[in-house]
PDB file of N, CA and C in Angstrom:
ATOM      1  N   MET A   1       0.839  -1.169   0.000  1.00  0.00           N
ATOM      2  CA  MET A   1       0.000   0.000   0.000  1.00  0.00           C
ATOM      3  C   MET A   1       0.893   1.243   0.000  1.00  0.00           C
ATOM      4  N   ILE A   2       0.514   2.227  -0.788  1.00  0.00           N
ATOM      5  CA  ILE A   2       1.241   3.492  -0.851  1.00  0.00           C
ATOM      6  C   ILE A   2       0.430   4.539  -0.104  1.00  0.00           C
ATOM      7  N   ASP A   3       1.040   5.171   0.865  1.00  0.00           N
ATOM      8  CA  ASP A   3       0.364   6.195   1.655  1.00  0.00           C
ATOM      9  C   ASP A   3       0.784   7.559   1.112  1.00  0.00           C
ATOM     10  N   LEU A   4      -0.164   8.271   0.491  1.00  0.00           N
ATOM     11  CA  LEU A   4       0.118   9.596  -0.064  1.00  0.00           C
ATOM     12  C   LEU A   4      -0.300  10.677   0.913  1.00  0.00           C
ATOM     13  N   PRO A   5       0.445  11.785   0.945  1.00  0.00           N
ATOM     14  CA  PRO A   5       0.022  12.900   1.784  1.00  0.00           C
ATOM     15  C   PRO A   5      -1.261  13.509   1.216  1.00  0.00           C
ATOM     16  N   ALA A   6      -2.000  14.217   2.053  1.00  0.00           N
ATOM     17  CA  ALA A   6      -3.278  14.799   1.635  1.00  0.00           C
ATOM     18  C   ALA A   6      -3.133  15.714   0.429  1.00  0.00           C
ATOM     19  N   THR A   7      -2.001  16.388   0.304  1.00  0.00           N
ATOM     20  CA  THR A   7      -1.816  17.312  -0.807  1.00  0.00           C
ATOM     21  C   THR A   7      -1.678  16.597  -2.146  1.00  0.00           C
ATOM     22  N   GLN A   8      -1.569  15.264  -2.146  1.00  0.00           N
ATOM     23  CA  GLN A   8      -1.447  14.504  -3.384  1.00  0.00           C
ATOM     24  C   GLN A   8      -2.559  13.453  -3.520  1.00  0.00           C
ATOM     25  N   THR A   9      -3.685  13.676  -2.855  1.00  0.00           N
ATOM     26  CA  THR A   9      -4.774  12.716  -2.853  1.00  0.00           C
ATOM     27  C   THR A   9      -6.013  13.325  -3.498  1.00  0.00           C
ATOM     28  N   PHE A  10      -6.536  12.685  -4.535  1.00  0.00           N
ATOM     29  CA  PHE A  10      -7.755  13.145  -5.188  1.00  0.00           C
ATOM     30  C   PHE A  10      -8.967  12.832  -4.329  1.00  0.00           C
ATOM     31  N   GLY A  11     -10.037  13.603  -4.495  1.00  0.00           N
ATOM     32  CA  GLY A  11     -11.300  13.335  -3.835  1.00  0.00           C
ATOM     33  C   GLY A  11     -11.421  13.887  -2.432  1.00  0.00           C
ATOM     34  N   LEU A  12     -10.481  14.737  -2.008  1.00  0.00           N
ATOM     35  CA  LEU A  12     -10.568  15.322  -0.673  1.00  0.00           C
ATOM     36  C   LEU A  12     -11.709  16.319  -0.603  1.00  0.00           C
ATOM     37  N   GLU A  13     -12.316  16.420   0.563  1.00  0.00           N
ATOM     38  CA  GLU A  13     -13.336  17.436   0.784  1.00  0.00           C
ATOM     39  C   GLU A  13     -12.672  18.806   0.655  1.00  0.00           C
ATOM     40  N   VAL A  14     -13.387  19.758   0.065  1.00  0.00           N
ATOM     41  CA  VAL A  14     -12.845  21.100  -0.105  1.00  0.00           C
ATOM     42  C   VAL A  14     -13.095  21.889   1.175  1.00  0.00           C
ATOM     43  N   THR A  15     -12.033  22.140   1.915  1.00  0.00           N
ATOM     44  CA  THR A  15     -12.124  22.949   3.130  1.00  0.00           C
ATOM     45  C   THR A  15     -11.086  24.053   3.031  1.00  0.00           C
ATOM     46  N   GLN A  16     -11.574  25.275   3.002  1.00  0.00           N
ATOM     47  CA  GLN A  16     -10.685  26.420   2.874  1.00  0.00           C
ATOM     48  C   GLN A  16     -10.439  27.027   4.243  1.00  0.00           C
ATOM     49  N   GLU A  17      -9.168  27.172   4.592  1.00  0.00           N
ATOM     50  CA  GLU A  17      -8.794  27.754   5.871  1.00  0.00           C
ATOM     51  C   GLU A  17      -8.406  29.219   5.726  1.00  0.00           C
ATOM     52  N   LEU A  18      -7.960  29.609   4.540  1.00  0.00           N
ATOM     53  CA  LEU A  18      -7.608  31.002   4.269  1.00  0.00           C
ATOM     54  C   LEU A  18      -8.757  31.667   3.516  1.00  0.00           C
ATOM     55  N   ARG A  19      -8.717  32.987   3.485  1.00  0.00           N
ATOM     56  CA  ARG A  19      -9.710  33.729   2.701  1.00  0.00           C
ATOM     57  C   ARG A  19      -9.304  33.672   1.229  1.00  0.00           C
ATOM     58  N   TRP A  20     -10.258  33.475   0.346  1.00  0.00           N
ATOM     59  CA  TRP A  20     -10.037  33.428  -1.098  1.00  0.00           C
ATOM     60  C   TRP A  20     -10.784  34.591  -1.746  1.00  0.00           C
ATOM     61  N   GLU A  21     -10.079  35.382  -2.560  1.00  0.00           N
ATOM     62  CA  GLU A  21     -10.756  36.426  -3.324  1.00  0.00           C
ATOM     63  C   GLU A  21     -11.702  35.763  -4.319  1.00  0.00           C
ATOM     64  N   GLU A  22     -12.738  36.477  -4.699  1.00  0.00           N
ATOM     65  CA  GLU A  22     -13.739  35.924  -5.602  1.00  0.00           C
ATOM     66  C   GLU A  22     -13.127  35.452  -6.921  1.00  0.00           C
ATOM     67  N   SER A  23     -12.173  36.205  -7.473  1.00  0.00           N
ATOM     68  CA  SER A  23     -11.554  35.804  -8.746  1.00  0.00           C
ATOM     69  C   SER A  23     -10.735  34.522  -8.579  1.00  0.00           C
ATOM     70  N   ALA A  24     -10.103  34.342  -7.423  1.00  0.00           N
ATOM     71  CA  ALA A  24      -9.350  33.113  -7.157  1.00  0.00           C
ATOM     72  C   ALA A  24     -10.312  31.943  -6.987  1.00  0.00           C
ATOM     73  N   ARG A  25     -11.439  32.197  -6.317  1.00  0.00           N
ATOM     74  CA  ARG A  25     -12.452  31.154  -6.129  1.00  0.00           C
ATOM     75  C   ARG A  25     -13.029  30.722  -7.486  1.00  0.00           C
ATOM     76  N   ALA A  26     -13.202  31.677  -8.408  1.00  0.00           N
ATOM     77  CA  ALA A  26     -13.699  31.352  -9.749  1.00  0.00           C
ATOM     78  C   ALA A  26     -12.713  30.444 -10.477  1.00  0.00           C
ATOM     79  N   ARG A  27     -11.421  30.722 -10.339  1.00  0.00           N
ATOM     80  CA  ARG A  27     -10.413  29.838 -10.955  1.00  0.00           C
ATOM     81  C   ARG A  27     -10.434  28.458 -10.331  1.00  0.00           C
ATOM     82  N   LEU A  28     -10.628  28.403  -9.023  1.00  0.00           N
ATOM     83  CA  LEU A  28     -10.715  27.116  -8.339  1.00  0.00           C
ATOM     84  C   LEU A  28     -11.902  26.309  -8.861  1.00  0.00           C
ATOM     85  N   ASN A  29     -13.017  26.969  -9.091  1.00  0.00           N
ATOM     86  CA  ASN A  29     -14.210  26.274  -9.568  1.00  0.00           C
ATOM     87  C   ASN A  29     -14.051  25.723 -10.976  1.00  0.00           C
ATOM     88  N   ALA A  30     -13.049  26.187 -11.712  1.00  0.00           N
ATOM     89  CA  ALA A  30     -12.783  25.669 -13.057  1.00  0.00           C
ATOM     90  C   ALA A  30     -12.015  24.347 -13.012  1.00  0.00           C
ATOM     91  N   ILE A  31     -11.487  24.013 -11.842  1.00  0.00           N
ATOM     92  CA  ILE A  31     -10.734  22.768 -11.655  1.00  0.00           C
ATOM     93  C   ILE A  31     -11.741  21.639 -11.424  1.00  0.00           C
ATOM     94  N   PRO A  32     -11.530  20.468 -11.994  1.00  0.00           N
ATOM     95  CA  PRO A  32     -12.463  19.352 -11.769  1.00  0.00           C
ATOM     96  C   PRO A  32     -12.713  19.132 -10.280  1.00  0.00           C
ATOM     97  N   SER A  33     -13.961  18.857  -9.938  1.00  0.00           N
ATOM     98  CA  SER A  33     -14.362  18.765  -8.532  1.00  0.00           C
ATOM     99  C   SER A  33     -13.563  17.740  -7.740  1.00  0.00           C
ATOM    100  N   PHE A  34     -13.182  16.633  -8.367  1.00  0.00           N
ATOM    101  CA  PHE A  34     -12.455  15.596  -7.627  1.00  0.00           C
ATOM    102  C   PHE A  34     -11.056  16.041  -7.221  1.00  0.00           C
ATOM    103  N   ALA A  35     -10.525  17.099  -7.848  1.00  0.00           N
ATOM    104  CA  ALA A  35      -9.168  17.558  -7.552  1.00  0.00           C
ATOM    105  C   ALA A  35      -9.136  18.817  -6.691  1.00  0.00           C
ATOM    106  N   ARG A  36     -10.271  19.469  -6.482  1.00  0.00           N
ATOM    107  CA  ARG A  36     -10.279  20.756  -5.774  1.00  0.00           C
ATOM    108  C   ARG A  36      -9.734  20.677  -4.359  1.00  0.00           C
ATOM    109  N   GLY A  37     -10.089  19.666  -3.600  1.00  0.00           N
ATOM    110  CA  GLY A  37      -9.607  19.569  -2.219  1.00  0.00           C
ATOM    111  C   GLY A  37      -8.088  19.492  -2.156  1.00  0.00           C
ATOM    112  N   MET A  38      -7.501  18.714  -3.068  1.00  0.00           N
ATOM    113  CA  MET A  38      -6.053  18.568  -3.129  1.00  0.00           C
ATOM    114  C   MET A  38      -5.414  19.907  -3.511  1.00  0.00           C
ATOM    115  N   VAL A  39      -6.012  20.603  -4.473  1.00  0.00           N
ATOM    116  CA  VAL A  39      -5.472  21.886  -4.921  1.00  0.00           C
ATOM    117  C   VAL A  39      -5.549  22.916  -3.796  1.00  0.00           C
ATOM    118  N   VAL A  40      -6.683  22.979  -3.101  1.00  0.00           N
ATOM    119  CA  VAL A  40      -6.839  23.938  -2.001  1.00  0.00           C
ATOM    120  C   VAL A  40      -5.770  23.696  -0.935  1.00  0.00           C
ATOM    121  N   LYS A  41      -5.552  22.464  -0.556  1.00  0.00           N
ATOM    122  CA  LYS A  41      -4.534  22.159   0.465  1.00  0.00           C
ATOM    123  C   LYS A  41      -3.142  22.603   0.009  1.00  0.00           C
ATOM    124  N   GLY A  42      -2.797  22.310  -1.246  1.00  0.00           N
ATOM    125  CA  GLY A  42      -1.489  22.696  -1.763  1.00  0.00           C
ATOM    126  C   GLY A  42      -1.329  24.204  -1.877  1.00  0.00           C
ATOM    127  N   VAL A  43      -2.353  24.873  -2.393  1.00  0.00           N
ATOM    128  CA  VAL A  43      -2.302  26.327  -2.560  1.00  0.00           C
ATOM    129  C   VAL A  43      -2.206  27.012  -1.205  1.00  0.00           C
ATOM    130  N   GLU A  44      -3.016  26.585  -0.249  1.00  0.00           N
ATOM    131  CA  GLU A  44      -2.989  27.230   1.056  1.00  0.00           C
ATOM    132  C   GLU A  44      -1.678  26.964   1.799  1.00  0.00           C
ATOM    133  N   ALA A  45      -1.108  25.807   1.637  1.00  0.00           N
ATOM    134  CA  ALA A  45       0.201  25.532   2.248  1.00  0.00           C
ATOM    135  C   ALA A  45       1.260  26.453   1.655  1.00  0.00           C
ATOM    136  N   TYR A  46       1.242  26.618   0.336  1.00  0.00           N
ATOM    137  CA  TYR A  46       2.181  27.520  -0.335  1.00  0.00           C
ATOM    138  C   TYR A  46       1.962  28.949   0.163  1.00  0.00           C
ATOM    139  N   ALA A  47       0.696  29.370   0.219  1.00  0.00           N
ATOM    140  CA  ALA A  47       0.381  30.736   0.641  1.00  0.00           C
ATOM    141  C   ALA A  47       0.914  31.006   2.047  1.00  0.00           C
ATOM    142  N   ARG A  48       0.640  30.110   2.980  1.00  0.00           N
ATOM    143  CA  ARG A  48       1.115  30.296   4.359  1.00  0.00           C
ATOM    144  C   ARG A  48       2.641  30.326   4.412  1.00  0.00           C
ATOM    145  N   ALA A  49       3.281  29.439   3.675  1.00  0.00           N
ATOM    146  CA  ALA A  49       4.751  29.373   3.682  1.00  0.00           C
ATOM    147  C   ALA A  49       5.389  30.642   3.131  1.00  0.00           C
ATOM    148  N   HIS A  50       4.636  31.366   2.298  1.00  0.00           N
ATOM    149  CA  HIS A  50       5.167  32.590   1.696  1.00  0.00           C
ATOM    150  C   HIS A  50       4.533  33.849   2.286  1.00  0.00           C
ATOM    151  N   GLY A  51       3.883  33.714   3.455  1.00  0.00           N
ATOM    152  CA  GLY A  51       3.383  34.873   4.183  1.00  0.00           C
ATOM    153  C   GLY A  51       2.091  35.478   3.680  1.00  0.00           C
ATOM    154  N   HIS A  52       1.296  34.727   2.930  1.00  0.00           N
ATOM    155  CA  HIS A  52       0.025  35.243   2.414  1.00  0.00           C
ATOM    156  C   HIS A  52      -1.134  34.789   3.299  1.00  0.00           C
ATOM    157  N   ALA A  53      -2.030  35.716   3.625  1.00  0.00           N
ATOM    158  CA  ALA A  53      -3.215  35.380   4.411  1.00  0.00           C
ATOM    159  C   ALA A  53      -4.447  35.247   3.522  1.00  0.00           C
ATOM    160  N   VAL A  54      -4.332  35.699   2.273  1.00  0.00           N
ATOM    161  CA  VAL A  54      -5.443  35.683   1.327  1.00  0.00           C
ATOM    162  C   VAL A  54      -4.961  35.052   0.028  1.00  0.00           C
ATOM    163  N   VAL A  55      -5.768  34.171  -0.548  1.00  0.00           N
ATOM    164  CA  VAL A  55      -5.446  33.573  -1.848  1.00  0.00           C
ATOM    165  C   VAL A  55      -6.041  34.478  -2.922  1.00  0.00           C
ATOM    166  N   THR A  56      -5.172  35.011  -3.758  1.00  0.00           N
ATOM    167  CA  THR A  56      -5.594  35.909  -4.838  1.00  0.00           C
ATOM    168  C   THR A  56      -5.353  35.243  -6.185  1.00  0.00           C
ATOM    169  N   GLU A  57      -5.912  35.842  -7.219  1.00  0.00           N
ATOM    170  CA  GLU A  57      -5.679  35.323  -8.561  1.00  0.00           C
ATOM    171  C   GLU A  57      -4.194  35.440  -8.922  1.00  0.00           C
ATOM    172  N   ALA A  58      -3.556  36.522  -8.482  1.00  0.00           N
ATOM    173  CA  ALA A  58      -2.122  36.699  -8.746  1.00  0.00           C
ATOM    174  C   ALA A  58      -1.302  35.608  -8.056  1.00  0.00           C
ATOM    175  N   LEU A  59      -1.693  35.236  -6.844  1.00  0.00           N
ATOM    176  CA  LEU A  59      -0.990  34.159  -6.140  1.00  0.00           C
ATOM    177  C   LEU A  59      -1.163  32.837  -6.880  1.00  0.00           C
ATOM    178  N   LEU A  60      -2.361  32.551  -7.369  1.00  0.00           N
ATOM    179  CA  LEU A  60      -2.578  31.327  -8.149  1.00  0.00           C
ATOM    180  C   LEU A  60      -1.708  31.311  -9.404  1.00  0.00           C
ATOM    181  N   THR A  61      -1.557  32.467 -10.043  1.00  0.00           N
ATOM    182  CA  THR A  61      -0.693  32.564 -11.229  1.00  0.00           C
ATOM    183  C   THR A  61       0.756  32.287 -10.844  1.00  0.00           C
ATOM    184  N   GLU A  62       1.199  32.843  -9.709  1.00  0.00           N
ATOM    185  CA  GLU A  62       2.561  32.607  -9.222  1.00  0.00           C
ATOM    186  C   GLU A  62       2.781  31.118  -8.946  1.00  0.00           C
ATOM    187  N   ILE A  63       1.821  30.496  -8.289  1.00  0.00           N
ATOM    188  CA  ILE A  63       1.947  29.076  -7.955  1.00  0.00           C
ATOM    189  C   ILE A  63       1.993  28.236  -9.219  1.00  0.00           C
ATOM    190  N   ARG A  64       1.135  28.536 -10.161  1.00  0.00           N
ATOM    191  CA  ARG A  64       1.125  27.759 -11.408  1.00  0.00           C
ATOM    192  C   ARG A  64       2.444  27.928 -12.149  1.00  0.00           C
ATOM    193  N   HIS A  65       2.982  29.136 -12.139  1.00  0.00           N
ATOM    194  CA  HIS A  65       4.274  29.378 -12.797  1.00  0.00           C
ATOM    195  C   HIS A  65       5.389  28.605 -12.082  1.00  0.00           C
ATOM    196  N   THR A  66       5.348  28.575 -10.758  1.00  0.00           N
ATOM    197  CA  THR A  66       6.370  27.902  -9.963  1.00  0.00           C
ATOM    198  C   THR A  66       6.242  26.387 -10.047  1.00  0.00           C
ATOM    199  N   TRP A  67       5.022  25.885  -9.923  1.00  0.00           N
ATOM    200  CA  TRP A  67       4.783  24.447  -9.846  1.00  0.00           C
ATOM    201  C   TRP A  67       4.436  23.803 -11.174  1.00  0.00           C
ATOM    202  N   GLY A  68       4.020  24.580 -12.149  1.00  0.00           N
ATOM    203  CA  GLY A  68       3.576  23.999 -13.414  1.00  0.00           C
ATOM    204  C   GLY A  68       2.073  23.770 -13.399  1.00  0.00           C
ATOM    205  N   ALA A  69       1.567  23.228 -14.476  1.00  0.00           N
ATOM    206  CA  ALA A  69       0.125  23.087 -14.668  1.00  0.00           C
ATOM    207  C   ALA A  69      -0.525  22.141 -13.672  1.00  0.00           C
ATOM    208  N   ARG A  70       0.228  21.258 -13.061  1.00  0.00           N
ATOM    209  CA  ARG A  70      -0.379  20.266 -12.173  1.00  0.00           C
ATOM    210  C   ARG A  70      -0.317  20.645 -10.702  1.00  0.00           C
ATOM    211  N   PHE A  71       0.033  21.884 -10.385  1.00  0.00           N
ATOM    212  CA  PHE A  71       0.029  22.374  -9.017  1.00  0.00           C
ATOM    213  C   PHE A  71       0.813  21.506  -8.059  1.00  0.00           C
ATOM    214  N   ARG A  72       1.984  21.083  -8.478  1.00  0.00           N
ATOM    215  CA  ARG A  72       2.858  20.402  -7.528  1.00  0.00           C
ATOM    216  C   ARG A  72       4.284  20.893  -7.781  1.00  0.00           C
ATOM    217  N   PRO A  73       5.099  20.906  -6.765  1.00  0.00           N
ATOM    218  CA  PRO A  73       6.463  21.415  -6.939  1.00  0.00           C
ATOM    219  C   PRO A  73       7.221  20.654  -8.007  1.00  0.00           C
ATOM    220  N   ARG A  74       7.952  21.392  -8.810  1.00  0.00           N
ATOM    221  CA  ARG A  74       8.809  20.753  -9.820  1.00  0.00           C
ATOM    222  C   ARG A  74      10.025  20.196  -9.131  1.00  0.00           C
ATOM    223  N   ARG A  75      10.471  19.059  -9.593  1.00  0.00           N
ATOM    224  CA  ARG A  75      11.648  18.428  -8.997  1.00  0.00           C
ATOM    225  C   ARG A  75      12.876  18.748  -9.797  1.00  0.00           C
TER     226      ARG A  75
END
């Protein structure tokens, strides 16, 4: 059995701990529903690690540029 961390698991419940601007929430809603929980966890972890209290559309663009299209750190 392979145990994956929550940030790499599809089908997670979407629970937002940080505030999301409406434009960022709209981008999140464009992501397939089965992947949203995983994306929210990854985005919010990145935001907290970089001193952000609010998820903005600009932050999502930064994360996508840093991590690539699949929202995970490049190796």
